[in-house]
Amino acid sequence: MKRLIVLVMLLALITTSGCAFRFYKKNPRDKETIDQLASEVKNLKKLRAEERRQFVEIEKALRKELKGQKVKLDMEKRGLVITLADNILFDSGKAKIKAEAYPVLEKIADVITSYAADKSIGVEGHTDNIPIQHSPWKSNRELSTSRANNVYHYLIAKGGMHPAKLTTIGYGEFRPIATNNTSSGRAKNRRVEIVILPQYLKKPASEIKGKNWVK
């Protein structure tokens, strides 16, 4: 991982300027090291390009499988984000997945196992800022964590996804995407996000960048 970080920094330096290489190549003792790093940087560029193509295929497959479903796809710097509104997955104030949500989660799992089996997946729970009432959870963070964990367990048990590839976290009300001052804004904030994480992708490919509901 440290070597990858070094290569990324070096790639950024090469992209902006060739001065560093011209300077160090003046020292013959460093030529072998420079040549090796240059080769690895070239390989990193290739891996990034391949990963961009892979994310294009993942996004296309998801749109095809989820057509007509109220699922949002968004390519961000952190990866391809699949957003499911809480009312698709859960009853109000509950963490048990509704039976009608099973087909949607199965389709998502099928695409990931077919097109992104090598990728790590994050499952994130989010809520609005209305305090918990008449519920076994002490806070929205606990509710969001339980919801993320239940999606995680379903993707493993029914979707066939490998548990080592998935992580979960509950953010509660602390990462809103809309205002909590309106009912429509709060509805947007109540969500679960399944994030397909890139390994090499520095920024989203322009051809798949967008914030669109599957149509």
N, C-alpha and C. Protein backbone atom coordinates (compact mmCIF):
# COMPACT_ATOMS: atom_id res chain seq x y z
N MET A 1 0.82 -1.20 0.00
CA MET A 1 0.00 0.00 0.00
C MET A 1 0.86 1.26 0.00
N LYS A 2 1.96 1.25 0.82
CA LYS A 2 2.84 2.42 0.85
C LYS A 2 3.48 2.64 -0.51
N ARG A 3 3.86 1.51 -1.18
CA ARG A 3 4.48 1.65 -2.49
C ARG A 3 3.50 2.20 -3.50
N LEU A 4 2.23 1.77 -3.40
CA LEU A 4 1.22 2.30 -4.30
C LEU A 4 1.02 3.79 -4.10
N ILE A 5 1.04 4.22 -2.83
CA ILE A 5 0.90 5.66 -2.54
C ILE A 5 2.06 6.43 -3.14
N VAL A 6 3.27 5.90 -3.01
CA VAL A 6 4.45 6.55 -3.58
C VAL A 6 4.31 6.65 -5.08
N LEU A 7 3.83 5.58 -5.72
CA LEU A 7 3.68 5.58 -7.16
C LEU A 7 2.63 6.60 -7.60
N VAL A 8 1.55 6.70 -6.84
CA VAL A 8 0.52 7.68 -7.17
C VAL A 8 1.07 9.09 -7.09
N MET A 9 1.84 9.37 -6.03
CA MET A 9 2.45 10.70 -5.89
C MET A 9 3.43 10.97 -7.02
N LEU A 10 4.18 9.93 -7.38
CA LEU A 10 5.15 10.09 -8.46
C LEU A 10 4.45 10.32 -9.78
N LEU A 11 3.34 9.59 -10.00
CA LEU A 11 2.57 9.78 -11.22
C LEU A 11 2.04 11.19 -11.33
N ALA A 12 1.58 11.73 -10.22
CA ALA A 12 1.08 13.10 -10.21
C ALA A 12 2.19 14.09 -10.56
N LEU A 13 3.38 13.80 -10.04
CA LEU A 13 4.52 14.68 -10.32
C LEU A 13 4.90 14.62 -11.79
N ILE A 14 4.88 13.39 -12.34
CA ILE A 14 5.25 13.22 -13.75
C ILE A 14 4.23 13.92 -14.64
N THR A 15 2.96 13.81 -14.26
CA THR A 15 1.90 14.40 -15.06
C THR A 15 2.02 15.90 -15.15
N THR A 16 2.42 16.52 -14.05
CA THR A 16 2.49 17.99 -14.03
C THR A 16 3.82 18.52 -14.55
N SER A 17 4.86 17.69 -14.42
CA SER A 17 6.17 18.19 -14.84
C SER A 17 7.14 17.04 -15.05
N GLY A 18 8.04 17.19 -16.02
CA GLY A 18 9.06 16.18 -16.22
C GLY A 18 10.37 16.58 -15.58
N CYS A 19 10.38 17.65 -14.81
CA CYS A 19 11.62 18.18 -14.23
C CYS A 19 12.28 17.19 -13.28
N ALA A 20 11.49 16.49 -12.51
CA ALA A 20 12.06 15.58 -11.51
C ALA A 20 12.91 14.53 -12.17
N PHE A 21 12.42 13.95 -13.25
CA PHE A 21 13.18 12.92 -13.93
C PHE A 21 14.45 13.50 -14.56
N ARG A 22 14.33 14.67 -15.15
CA ARG A 22 15.50 15.27 -15.78
C ARG A 22 16.57 15.55 -14.74
N PHE A 23 16.17 15.93 -13.53
CA PHE A 23 17.12 16.23 -12.47
C PHE A 23 17.83 14.97 -11.99
N TYR A 24 17.06 13.94 -11.68
CA TYR A 24 17.64 12.75 -11.08
C TYR A 24 18.42 11.92 -12.10
N LYS A 25 18.07 12.01 -13.36
CA LYS A 25 18.78 11.23 -14.36
C LYS A 25 20.22 11.71 -14.54
N LYS A 26 20.52 12.86 -14.00
CA LYS A 26 21.89 13.35 -14.06
C LYS A 26 22.80 12.50 -13.19
N ASN A 27 22.25 11.78 -12.24
CA ASN A 27 23.03 10.92 -11.36
C ASN A 27 22.93 9.48 -11.87
N PRO A 28 24.00 8.92 -12.46
CA PRO A 28 23.94 7.57 -13.05
C PRO A 28 23.57 6.50 -12.03
N ARG A 29 23.92 6.71 -10.77
CA ARG A 29 23.64 5.69 -9.75
C ARG A 29 22.14 5.49 -9.55
N ASP A 30 21.35 6.51 -9.88
CA ASP A 30 19.92 6.42 -9.68
C ASP A 30 19.16 5.95 -10.93
N LYS A 31 19.90 5.72 -12.01
CA LYS A 31 19.21 5.39 -13.27
C LYS A 31 18.37 4.12 -13.16
N GLU A 32 18.92 3.09 -12.52
CA GLU A 32 18.19 1.84 -12.42
C GLU A 32 16.91 2.02 -11.60
N THR A 33 17.03 2.76 -10.51
CA THR A 33 15.85 3.01 -9.68
C THR A 33 14.81 3.83 -10.43
N ILE A 34 15.26 4.85 -11.14
CA ILE A 34 14.36 5.70 -11.91
C ILE A 34 13.67 4.89 -13.00
N ASP A 35 14.41 4.04 -13.68
CA ASP A 35 13.83 3.22 -14.74
C ASP A 35 12.77 2.27 -14.17
N GLN A 36 13.05 1.72 -13.00
CA GLN A 36 12.09 0.82 -12.38
C GLN A 36 10.82 1.55 -11.98
N LEU A 37 11.00 2.73 -11.36
CA LEU A 37 9.84 3.52 -10.98
C LEU A 37 9.03 3.97 -12.19
N ALA A 38 9.74 4.33 -13.27
CA ALA A 38 9.05 4.76 -14.49
C ALA A 38 8.20 3.61 -15.04
N SER A 39 8.74 2.41 -14.97
CA SER A 39 8.01 1.23 -15.44
C SER A 39 6.77 0.98 -14.58
N GLU A 40 6.94 1.15 -13.27
CA GLU A 40 5.80 0.92 -12.37
C GLU A 40 4.74 2.00 -12.53
N VAL A 41 5.17 3.23 -12.79
CA VAL A 41 4.21 4.31 -13.03
C VAL A 41 3.42 4.03 -14.31
N LYS A 42 4.11 3.56 -15.33
CA LYS A 42 3.45 3.20 -16.58
C LYS A 42 2.42 2.09 -16.35
N ASN A 43 2.80 1.13 -15.53
CA ASN A 43 1.89 0.03 -15.23
C ASN A 43 0.68 0.53 -14.43
N LEU A 44 0.93 1.49 -13.51
CA LEU A 44 -0.16 2.06 -12.72
C LEU A 44 -1.16 2.78 -13.62
N LYS A 45 -0.65 3.50 -14.61
CA LYS A 45 -1.53 4.17 -15.57
C LYS A 45 -2.40 3.15 -16.30
N LYS A 46 -1.78 2.03 -16.67
CA LYS A 46 -2.52 0.97 -17.36
C LYS A 46 -3.60 0.38 -16.47
N LEU A 47 -3.25 0.15 -15.19
CA LEU A 47 -4.22 -0.41 -14.25
C LEU A 47 -5.40 0.55 -14.04
N ARG A 48 -5.09 1.84 -13.98
CA ARG A 48 -6.15 2.83 -13.82
C ARG A 48 -7.09 2.82 -15.02
N ALA A 49 -6.52 2.75 -16.22
CA ALA A 49 -7.34 2.72 -17.43
C ALA A 49 -8.21 1.48 -17.46
N GLU A 50 -7.64 0.34 -17.08
CA GLU A 50 -8.42 -0.90 -17.05
C GLU A 50 -9.54 -0.81 -16.02
N GLU A 51 -9.25 -0.18 -14.88
CA GLU A 51 -10.27 -0.05 -13.84
C GLU A 51 -11.39 0.88 -14.27
N ARG A 52 -11.06 1.94 -14.98
CA ARG A 52 -12.09 2.83 -15.51
C ARG A 52 -13.03 2.07 -16.44
N ARG A 53 -12.44 1.23 -17.30
CA ARG A 53 -13.27 0.42 -18.21
C ARG A 53 -14.15 -0.56 -17.42
N GLN A 54 -13.57 -1.12 -16.36
CA GLN A 54 -14.33 -2.05 -15.53
C GLN A 54 -15.52 -1.35 -14.88
N PHE A 55 -15.32 -0.13 -14.37
CA PHE A 55 -16.41 0.60 -13.73
C PHE A 55 -17.49 0.97 -14.75
N VAL A 56 -17.10 1.23 -15.99
CA VAL A 56 -18.09 1.49 -17.03
C VAL A 56 -18.98 0.26 -17.21
N GLU A 57 -18.37 -0.92 -17.25
CA GLU A 57 -19.13 -2.15 -17.43
C GLU A 57 -20.02 -2.43 -16.21
N ILE A 58 -19.52 -2.17 -15.03
CA ILE A 58 -20.32 -2.37 -13.82
C ILE A 58 -21.54 -1.46 -13.85
N GLU A 59 -21.32 -0.18 -14.19
CA GLU A 59 -22.42 0.78 -14.22
C GLU A 59 -23.46 0.39 -15.26
N LYS A 60 -23.02 -0.06 -16.43
CA LYS A 60 -23.95 -0.48 -17.48
C LYS A 60 -24.78 -1.68 -17.03
N ALA A 61 -24.11 -2.64 -16.40
CA ALA A 61 -24.80 -3.85 -15.94
C ALA A 61 -25.83 -3.51 -14.86
N LEU A 62 -25.48 -2.60 -13.95
CA LEU A 62 -26.41 -2.21 -12.90
C LEU A 62 -27.63 -1.51 -13.49
N ARG A 63 -27.41 -0.62 -14.44
CA ARG A 63 -28.54 0.09 -15.05
C ARG A 63 -29.47 -0.89 -15.75
N LYS A 64 -28.90 -1.88 -16.39
CA LYS A 64 -29.72 -2.86 -17.09
C LYS A 64 -30.55 -3.69 -16.11
N GLU A 65 -29.91 -4.17 -15.05
CA GLU A 65 -30.58 -5.04 -14.09
C GLU A 65 -31.57 -4.30 -13.20
N LEU A 66 -31.30 -3.03 -12.94
CA LEU A 66 -32.14 -2.27 -12.02
C LEU A 66 -33.10 -1.32 -12.71
N LYS A 67 -33.28 -1.50 -13.99
CA LYS A 67 -34.17 -0.63 -14.76
C LYS A 67 -35.58 -0.66 -14.15
N GLY A 68 -36.12 0.53 -13.90
CA GLY A 68 -37.45 0.63 -13.34
C GLY A 68 -37.49 0.62 -11.83
N GLN A 69 -36.35 0.36 -11.20
CA GLN A 69 -36.28 0.35 -9.75
C GLN A 69 -35.90 1.74 -9.24
N LYS A 70 -36.32 2.08 -8.05
CA LYS A 70 -35.99 3.38 -7.47
C LYS A 70 -34.62 3.30 -6.79
N VAL A 71 -33.61 3.16 -7.61
CA VAL A 71 -32.23 3.04 -7.15
C VAL A 71 -31.40 4.09 -7.86
N LYS A 72 -30.55 4.75 -7.12
CA LYS A 72 -29.72 5.82 -7.67
C LYS A 72 -28.29 5.36 -7.84
N LEU A 73 -27.70 5.64 -9.00
CA LEU A 73 -26.30 5.32 -9.26
C LEU A 73 -25.53 6.62 -9.41
N ASP A 74 -24.39 6.70 -8.76
CA ASP A 74 -23.62 7.94 -8.76
C ASP A 74 -22.14 7.60 -8.71
N MET A 75 -21.38 8.01 -9.73
CA MET A 75 -19.95 7.77 -9.73
C MET A 75 -19.25 8.91 -9.01
N GLU A 76 -18.62 8.62 -7.88
CA GLU A 76 -17.91 9.62 -7.10
C GLU A 76 -16.43 9.24 -7.00
N LYS A 77 -15.65 10.12 -6.40
CA LYS A 77 -14.23 9.83 -6.22
C LYS A 77 -14.00 8.57 -5.39
N ARG A 78 -14.91 8.33 -4.43
CA ARG A 78 -14.74 7.17 -3.56
C ARG A 78 -15.19 5.87 -4.23
N GLY A 79 -15.88 5.96 -5.37
CA GLY A 79 -16.31 4.77 -6.07
C GLY A 79 -17.70 4.91 -6.66
N LEU A 80 -18.26 3.78 -7.09
CA LEU A 80 -19.61 3.77 -7.64
C LEU A 80 -20.60 3.55 -6.50
N VAL A 81 -21.47 4.55 -6.28
CA VAL A 81 -22.38 4.54 -5.14
C VAL A 81 -23.77 4.13 -5.60
N ILE A 82 -24.30 3.07 -4.99
CA ILE A 82 -25.66 2.59 -5.25
C ILE A 82 -26.51 3.02 -4.05
N THR A 83 -27.45 3.92 -4.28
CA THR A 83 -28.24 4.47 -3.18
C THR A 83 -29.65 3.91 -3.20
N LEU A 84 -30.05 3.35 -2.06
CA LEU A 84 -31.41 2.84 -1.90
C LEU A 84 -32.10 3.61 -0.79
N ALA A 85 -33.23 4.21 -1.10
CA ALA A 85 -33.99 4.94 -0.09
C ALA A 85 -34.44 3.98 1.00
N ASP A 86 -34.54 4.49 2.23
CA ASP A 86 -34.85 3.59 3.34
C ASP A 86 -36.22 2.93 3.19
N ASN A 87 -37.19 3.62 2.56
CA ASN A 87 -38.52 3.02 2.45
C ASN A 87 -38.58 1.88 1.45
N ILE A 88 -37.56 1.74 0.63
CA ILE A 88 -37.46 0.58 -0.25
C ILE A 88 -37.06 -0.65 0.57
N LEU A 89 -36.18 -0.44 1.53
CA LEU A 89 -35.60 -1.55 2.28
C LEU A 89 -36.30 -1.84 3.60
N PHE A 90 -36.79 -0.78 4.28
CA PHE A 90 -37.26 -0.94 5.66
C PHE A 90 -38.58 -0.21 5.90
N ASP A 91 -39.30 -0.69 6.90
CA ASP A 91 -40.41 0.09 7.42
C ASP A 91 -39.85 1.19 8.31
N SER A 92 -40.63 2.22 8.54
CA SER A 92 -40.18 3.37 9.33
C SER A 92 -39.70 2.94 10.72
N GLY A 93 -38.49 3.36 11.07
CA GLY A 93 -37.93 3.08 12.37
C GLY A 93 -37.50 1.64 12.58
N LYS A 94 -37.53 0.83 11.51
CA LYS A 94 -37.16 -0.58 11.61
C LYS A 94 -35.85 -0.85 10.87
N ALA A 95 -35.25 -1.99 11.19
CA ALA A 95 -34.01 -2.38 10.53
C ALA A 95 -34.15 -3.70 9.78
N LYS A 96 -35.27 -4.37 9.93
CA LYS A 96 -35.51 -5.62 9.21
C LYS A 96 -35.81 -5.32 7.75
N ILE A 97 -35.10 -6.00 6.85
CA ILE A 97 -35.29 -5.78 5.42
C ILE A 97 -36.65 -6.31 4.99
N LYS A 98 -37.38 -5.50 4.22
CA LYS A 98 -38.69 -5.91 3.72
C LYS A 98 -38.52 -6.96 2.62
N ALA A 99 -39.45 -7.89 2.56
CA ALA A 99 -39.36 -8.97 1.57
C ALA A 99 -39.33 -8.44 0.14
N GLU A 100 -40.05 -7.36 -0.13
CA GLU A 100 -40.09 -6.82 -1.48
C GLU A 100 -38.76 -6.20 -1.92
N ALA A 101 -37.84 -6.01 -0.97
CA ALA A 101 -36.52 -5.46 -1.31
C ALA A 101 -35.54 -6.56 -1.71
N TYR A 102 -35.88 -7.81 -1.43
CA TYR A 102 -34.95 -8.90 -1.72
C TYR A 102 -34.53 -8.96 -3.19
N PRO A 103 -35.45 -8.88 -4.15
CA PRO A 103 -35.04 -8.97 -5.55
C PRO A 103 -34.06 -7.88 -5.96
N VAL A 104 -34.24 -6.67 -5.42
CA VAL A 104 -33.34 -5.57 -5.76
C VAL A 104 -31.93 -5.86 -5.24
N LEU A 105 -31.84 -6.29 -3.99
CA LEU A 105 -30.53 -6.59 -3.41
C LEU A 105 -29.87 -7.77 -4.12
N GLU A 106 -30.67 -8.75 -4.54
CA GLU A 106 -30.12 -9.90 -5.25
C GLU A 106 -29.54 -9.49 -6.60
N LYS A 107 -30.22 -8.58 -7.29
CA LYS A 107 -29.71 -8.10 -8.58
C LYS A 107 -28.41 -7.33 -8.39
N ILE A 108 -28.35 -6.52 -7.36
CA ILE A 108 -27.11 -5.78 -7.07
C ILE A 108 -25.98 -6.76 -6.77
N ALA A 109 -26.26 -7.75 -5.94
CA ALA A 109 -25.25 -8.75 -5.59
C ALA A 109 -24.80 -9.53 -6.82
N ASP A 110 -25.73 -9.88 -7.70
CA ASP A 110 -25.38 -10.63 -8.91
C ASP A 110 -24.42 -9.84 -9.80
N VAL A 111 -24.70 -8.54 -9.95
CA VAL A 111 -23.81 -7.71 -10.78
C VAL A 111 -22.43 -7.59 -10.15
N ILE A 112 -22.40 -7.37 -8.84
CA ILE A 112 -21.11 -7.22 -8.16
C ILE A 112 -20.29 -8.50 -8.26
N THR A 113 -20.90 -9.65 -8.03
CA THR A 113 -20.15 -10.91 -8.10
C THR A 113 -19.71 -11.23 -9.53
N SER A 114 -20.48 -10.75 -10.51
CA SER A 114 -20.14 -11.02 -11.91
C SER A 114 -19.12 -10.04 -12.48
N TYR A 115 -19.21 -8.78 -12.07
CA TYR A 115 -18.39 -7.74 -12.68
C TYR A 115 -17.38 -7.09 -11.74
N ALA A 116 -17.56 -7.27 -10.43
CA ALA A 116 -16.69 -6.56 -9.48
C ALA A 116 -16.26 -7.47 -8.33
N ALA A 117 -16.02 -8.74 -8.63
CA ALA A 117 -15.67 -9.69 -7.58
C ALA A 117 -14.34 -9.34 -6.90
N ASP A 118 -13.50 -8.59 -7.60
CA ASP A 118 -12.20 -8.22 -7.05
C ASP A 118 -12.25 -6.92 -6.24
N LYS A 119 -13.40 -6.29 -6.17
CA LYS A 119 -13.51 -5.00 -5.50
C LYS A 119 -14.01 -5.14 -4.06
N SER A 120 -13.56 -4.22 -3.22
CA SER A 120 -14.09 -4.12 -1.86
C SER A 120 -15.39 -3.32 -1.91
N ILE A 121 -16.30 -3.67 -1.02
CA ILE A 121 -17.63 -3.05 -1.00
C ILE A 121 -17.90 -2.47 0.37
N GLY A 122 -18.38 -1.24 0.41
CA GLY A 122 -18.79 -0.61 1.66
C GLY A 122 -20.30 -0.50 1.71
N VAL A 123 -20.89 -0.86 2.85
CA VAL A 123 -22.33 -0.71 3.05
C VAL A 123 -22.53 0.33 4.13
N GLU A 124 -23.17 1.46 3.79
CA GLU A 124 -23.31 2.59 4.70
C GLU A 124 -24.78 2.86 5.01
N GLY A 125 -25.08 3.02 6.29
CA GLY A 125 -26.43 3.39 6.71
C GLY A 125 -26.50 4.86 7.06
N HIS A 126 -27.60 5.52 6.66
CA HIS A 126 -27.80 6.96 6.93
C HIS A 126 -29.24 7.20 7.35
N THR A 127 -29.45 8.21 8.19
CA THR A 127 -30.80 8.59 8.61
C THR A 127 -30.97 10.10 8.51
N ASP A 128 -32.19 10.56 8.82
CA ASP A 128 -32.39 12.00 8.98
C ASP A 128 -32.04 12.37 10.42
N ASN A 129 -32.36 13.59 10.82
CA ASN A 129 -31.96 14.05 12.16
C ASN A 129 -33.09 14.01 13.20
N ILE A 130 -34.20 13.37 12.84
CA ILE A 130 -35.30 13.25 13.81
C ILE A 130 -34.89 12.26 14.89
N PRO A 131 -34.95 12.65 16.17
CA PRO A 131 -34.51 11.77 17.25
C PRO A 131 -35.32 10.46 17.31
N ILE A 132 -34.63 9.41 17.71
CA ILE A 132 -35.26 8.10 17.86
C ILE A 132 -36.33 8.16 18.96
N GLN A 133 -37.51 7.60 18.66
CA GLN A 133 -38.58 7.51 19.65
C GLN A 133 -39.24 6.13 19.57
N HIS A 134 -39.56 5.58 20.74
CA HIS A 134 -40.26 4.30 20.80
C HIS A 134 -39.54 3.25 19.95
N SER A 135 -38.27 3.11 20.18
CA SER A 135 -37.46 2.20 19.37
C SER A 135 -36.42 1.54 20.25
N PRO A 136 -36.00 0.32 19.90
CA PRO A 136 -34.95 -0.35 20.70
C PRO A 136 -33.58 0.28 20.55
N TRP A 137 -33.41 1.19 19.58
CA TRP A 137 -32.12 1.83 19.39
C TRP A 137 -32.04 3.14 20.17
N LYS A 138 -30.89 3.42 20.68
CA LYS A 138 -30.71 4.63 21.48
C LYS A 138 -30.49 5.87 20.63
N SER A 139 -30.06 5.67 19.40
CA SER A 139 -29.75 6.81 18.56
C SER A 139 -29.91 6.43 17.09
N ASN A 140 -29.93 7.45 16.23
CA ASN A 140 -30.00 7.22 14.80
C ASN A 140 -28.76 6.49 14.28
N ARG A 141 -27.63 6.73 14.93
CA ARG A 141 -26.42 6.02 14.50
C ARG A 141 -26.56 4.52 14.69
N GLU A 142 -27.15 4.12 15.82
CA GLU A 142 -27.34 2.70 16.07
C GLU A 142 -28.33 2.09 15.08
N LEU A 143 -29.40 2.83 14.76
CA LEU A 143 -30.37 2.36 13.78
C LEU A 143 -29.70 2.19 12.41
N SER A 144 -28.94 3.20 12.00
CA SER A 144 -28.29 3.15 10.68
C SER A 144 -27.26 2.03 10.62
N THR A 145 -26.58 1.77 11.73
CA THR A 145 -25.61 0.69 11.77
C THR A 145 -26.30 -0.67 11.65
N SER A 146 -27.41 -0.83 12.35
CA SER A 146 -28.16 -2.08 12.28
C SER A 146 -28.69 -2.32 10.87
N ARG A 147 -29.15 -1.28 10.23
CA ARG A 147 -29.64 -1.41 8.86
C ARG A 147 -28.51 -1.82 7.91
N ALA A 148 -27.35 -1.16 8.04
CA ALA A 148 -26.22 -1.51 7.19
C ALA A 148 -25.78 -2.96 7.43
N ASN A 149 -25.78 -3.37 8.69
CA ASN A 149 -25.39 -4.75 9.02
C ASN A 149 -26.36 -5.76 8.44
N ASN A 150 -27.65 -5.46 8.46
CA ASN A 150 -28.64 -6.38 7.91
C ASN A 150 -28.51 -6.52 6.39
N VAL A 151 -28.20 -5.41 5.72
CA VAL A 151 -27.94 -5.48 4.28
C VAL A 151 -26.69 -6.31 4.01
N TYR A 152 -25.68 -6.09 4.82
CA TYR A 152 -24.43 -6.87 4.73
C TYR A 152 -24.72 -8.36 4.84
N HIS A 153 -25.46 -8.76 5.86
CA HIS A 153 -25.75 -10.17 6.08
C HIS A 153 -26.59 -10.76 4.95
N TYR A 154 -27.50 -9.96 4.42
CA TYR A 154 -28.31 -10.47 3.31
C TYR A 154 -27.46 -10.68 2.06
N LEU A 155 -26.58 -9.74 1.76
CA LEU A 155 -25.74 -9.86 0.58
C LEU A 155 -24.83 -11.09 0.66
N ILE A 156 -24.44 -11.45 1.86
CA ILE A 156 -23.60 -12.63 2.05
C ILE A 156 -24.44 -13.91 1.99
N ALA A 157 -25.54 -13.93 2.74
CA ALA A 157 -26.34 -15.15 2.86
C ALA A 157 -27.12 -15.46 1.58
N LYS A 158 -27.72 -14.46 0.98
CA LYS A 158 -28.58 -14.68 -0.18
C LYS A 158 -27.92 -14.27 -1.49
N GLY A 159 -27.01 -13.30 -1.42
CA GLY A 159 -26.39 -12.81 -2.64
C GLY A 159 -25.09 -13.51 -3.00
N GLY A 160 -24.58 -14.31 -2.07
CA GLY A 160 -23.37 -15.07 -2.36
C GLY A 160 -22.10 -14.25 -2.36
N MET A 161 -22.12 -13.06 -1.80
CA MET A 161 -20.92 -12.23 -1.80
C MET A 161 -19.98 -12.66 -0.69
N HIS A 162 -18.68 -12.46 -0.90
CA HIS A 162 -17.67 -12.89 0.07
C HIS A 162 -17.60 -11.90 1.23
N PRO A 163 -17.73 -12.39 2.47
CA PRO A 163 -17.74 -11.47 3.62
C PRO A 163 -16.48 -10.65 3.78
N ALA A 164 -15.33 -11.17 3.33
CA ALA A 164 -14.08 -10.43 3.47
C ALA A 164 -14.05 -9.19 2.59
N LYS A 165 -14.93 -9.13 1.60
CA LYS A 165 -14.95 -8.01 0.67
C LYS A 165 -15.87 -6.87 1.13
N LEU A 166 -16.66 -7.12 2.19
CA LEU A 166 -17.64 -6.13 2.61
C LEU A 166 -17.31 -5.55 3.98
N THR A 167 -17.57 -4.28 4.12
CA THR A 167 -17.48 -3.61 5.43
C THR A 167 -18.76 -2.80 5.62
N THR A 168 -19.10 -2.53 6.88
CA THR A 168 -20.31 -1.76 7.16
C THR A 168 -20.01 -0.62 8.12
N ILE A 169 -20.84 0.41 8.02
CA ILE A 169 -20.74 1.53 8.96
C ILE A 169 -22.08 2.26 9.00
N GLY A 170 -22.44 2.77 10.16
CA GLY A 170 -23.64 3.58 10.29
C GLY A 170 -23.28 5.01 10.64
N TYR A 171 -23.70 5.94 9.81
CA TYR A 171 -23.39 7.36 10.02
C TYR A 171 -24.51 8.12 10.72
N GLY A 172 -25.67 7.47 10.88
CA GLY A 172 -26.78 8.20 11.47
C GLY A 172 -27.15 9.41 10.65
N GLU A 173 -27.35 10.55 11.33
CA GLU A 173 -27.75 11.78 10.64
C GLU A 173 -26.57 12.66 10.25
N PHE A 174 -25.35 12.17 10.41
CA PHE A 174 -24.19 13.05 10.33
C PHE A 174 -23.60 13.22 8.93
N ARG A 175 -24.16 12.56 7.92
CA ARG A 175 -23.70 12.78 6.55
C ARG A 175 -24.91 12.98 5.63
N PRO A 176 -25.65 14.07 5.86
CA PRO A 176 -26.85 14.32 5.03
C PRO A 176 -26.46 14.71 3.61
N ILE A 177 -27.34 14.40 2.66
CA ILE A 177 -27.14 14.82 1.28
C ILE A 177 -28.17 15.88 0.89
N ALA A 178 -29.07 16.20 1.83
CA ALA A 178 -30.09 17.21 1.60
C ALA A 178 -30.43 17.86 2.93
N THR A 179 -31.23 18.91 2.89
CA THR A 179 -31.62 19.57 4.12
C THR A 179 -32.55 18.69 4.94
N ASN A 180 -32.41 18.78 6.25
CA ASN A 180 -33.33 18.08 7.15
C ASN A 180 -34.49 18.98 7.57
N ASN A 181 -34.61 20.15 6.95
CA ASN A 181 -35.66 21.10 7.31
C ASN A 181 -36.96 20.85 6.55
N THR A 182 -36.93 19.93 5.59
CA THR A 182 -38.13 19.60 4.83
C THR A 182 -38.32 18.09 4.82
N SER A 183 -39.57 17.66 4.63
CA SER A 183 -39.85 16.23 4.60
C SER A 183 -39.18 15.55 3.41
N SER A 184 -39.12 16.24 2.27
CA SER A 184 -38.48 15.65 1.09
C SER A 184 -36.97 15.53 1.30
N GLY A 185 -36.39 16.53 1.97
CA GLY A 185 -34.96 16.46 2.27
C GLY A 185 -34.65 15.34 3.24
N ARG A 186 -35.45 15.19 4.26
CA ARG A 186 -35.23 14.11 5.23
C ARG A 186 -35.37 12.74 4.57
N ALA A 187 -36.32 12.64 3.62
CA ALA A 187 -36.52 11.36 2.92
C ALA A 187 -35.26 10.99 2.13
N LYS A 188 -34.60 11.98 1.54
CA LYS A 188 -33.36 11.71 0.79
C LYS A 188 -32.23 11.27 1.72
N ASN A 189 -32.23 11.82 2.92
CA ASN A 189 -31.16 11.48 3.85
C ASN A 189 -31.30 10.09 4.44
N ARG A 190 -32.52 9.57 4.48
CA ARG A 190 -32.74 8.22 5.00
C ARG A 190 -32.44 7.23 3.88
N ARG A 191 -31.29 6.60 3.95
CA ARG A 191 -30.85 5.79 2.82
C ARG A 191 -29.79 4.78 3.25
N VAL A 192 -29.57 3.80 2.40
CA VAL A 192 -28.42 2.90 2.51
C VAL A 192 -27.63 3.02 1.22
N GLU A 193 -26.34 3.17 1.35
CA GLU A 193 -25.46 3.26 0.19
C GLU A 193 -24.54 2.05 0.13
N ILE A 194 -24.54 1.40 -1.02
CA ILE A 194 -23.61 0.31 -1.28
C ILE A 194 -22.55 0.87 -2.22
N VAL A 195 -21.31 0.92 -1.76
CA VAL A 195 -20.26 1.60 -2.50
C VAL A 195 -19.25 0.58 -3.02
N ILE A 196 -19.10 0.53 -4.34
CA ILE A 196 -18.07 -0.30 -4.96
C ILE A 196 -16.79 0.53 -5.00
N LEU A 197 -15.80 0.09 -4.25
CA LEU A 197 -14.60 0.91 -4.03
C LEU A 197 -13.52 0.62 -5.07
N PRO A 198 -12.93 1.65 -5.63
CA PRO A 198 -11.83 1.45 -6.60
C PRO A 198 -10.52 1.15 -5.90
N GLN A 199 -9.66 0.46 -6.60
CA GLN A 199 -8.32 0.21 -6.08
C GLN A 199 -7.30 1.17 -6.68
N TYR A 200 -7.48 1.50 -7.95
CA TYR A 200 -6.52 2.34 -8.65
C TYR A 200 -7.11 3.64 -9.16
N LEU A 201 -8.44 3.70 -9.27
CA LEU A 201 -9.08 4.84 -9.89
C LEU A 201 -8.86 6.11 -9.09
N LYS A 202 -8.22 7.10 -9.69
CA LYS A 202 -7.92 8.35 -9.00
C LYS A 202 -9.13 9.26 -8.96
N LYS A 203 -9.87 9.31 -10.05
CA LYS A 203 -11.08 10.14 -10.11
C LYS A 203 -12.05 9.47 -11.06
N PRO A 204 -13.32 9.80 -10.96
CA PRO A 204 -14.32 9.11 -11.78
C PRO A 204 -14.11 9.34 -13.26
N ALA A 205 -14.36 8.29 -14.03
CA ALA A 205 -14.27 8.42 -15.48
C ALA A 205 -15.36 9.37 -15.96
N SER A 206 -15.00 10.29 -16.84
CA SER A 206 -15.95 11.30 -17.29
C SER A 206 -17.16 10.68 -17.98
N GLU A 207 -16.93 9.52 -18.61
CA GLU A 207 -18.03 8.91 -19.35
C GLU A 207 -19.08 8.28 -18.46
N ILE A 208 -18.79 8.10 -17.16
CA ILE A 208 -19.80 7.52 -16.27
C ILE A 208 -20.12 8.46 -15.11
N LYS A 209 -19.62 9.67 -15.17
CA LYS A 209 -19.91 10.61 -14.10
C LYS A 209 -21.33 11.13 -14.24
N GLY A 210 -22.06 11.13 -13.15
CA GLY A 210 -23.41 11.64 -13.20
C GLY A 210 -24.18 11.25 -11.97
N LYS A 211 -25.33 11.85 -11.78
CA LYS A 211 -26.18 11.55 -10.65
C LYS A 211 -27.57 11.28 -11.18
N ASN A 212 -27.82 10.03 -11.49
CA ASN A 212 -29.07 9.68 -12.16
C ASN A 212 -29.75 8.51 -11.50
N TRP A 213 -31.07 8.60 -11.44
CA TRP A 213 -31.86 7.46 -11.02
C TRP A 213 -31.92 6.48 -12.18
N VAL A 214 -31.90 5.20 -11.85
CA VAL A 214 -32.01 4.19 -12.90
C VAL A 214 -33.36 4.34 -13.57
N LYS A 215 -33.36 4.35 -14.89
CA LYS A 215 -34.61 4.52 -15.63
C LYS A 215 -34.82 3.32 -16.56
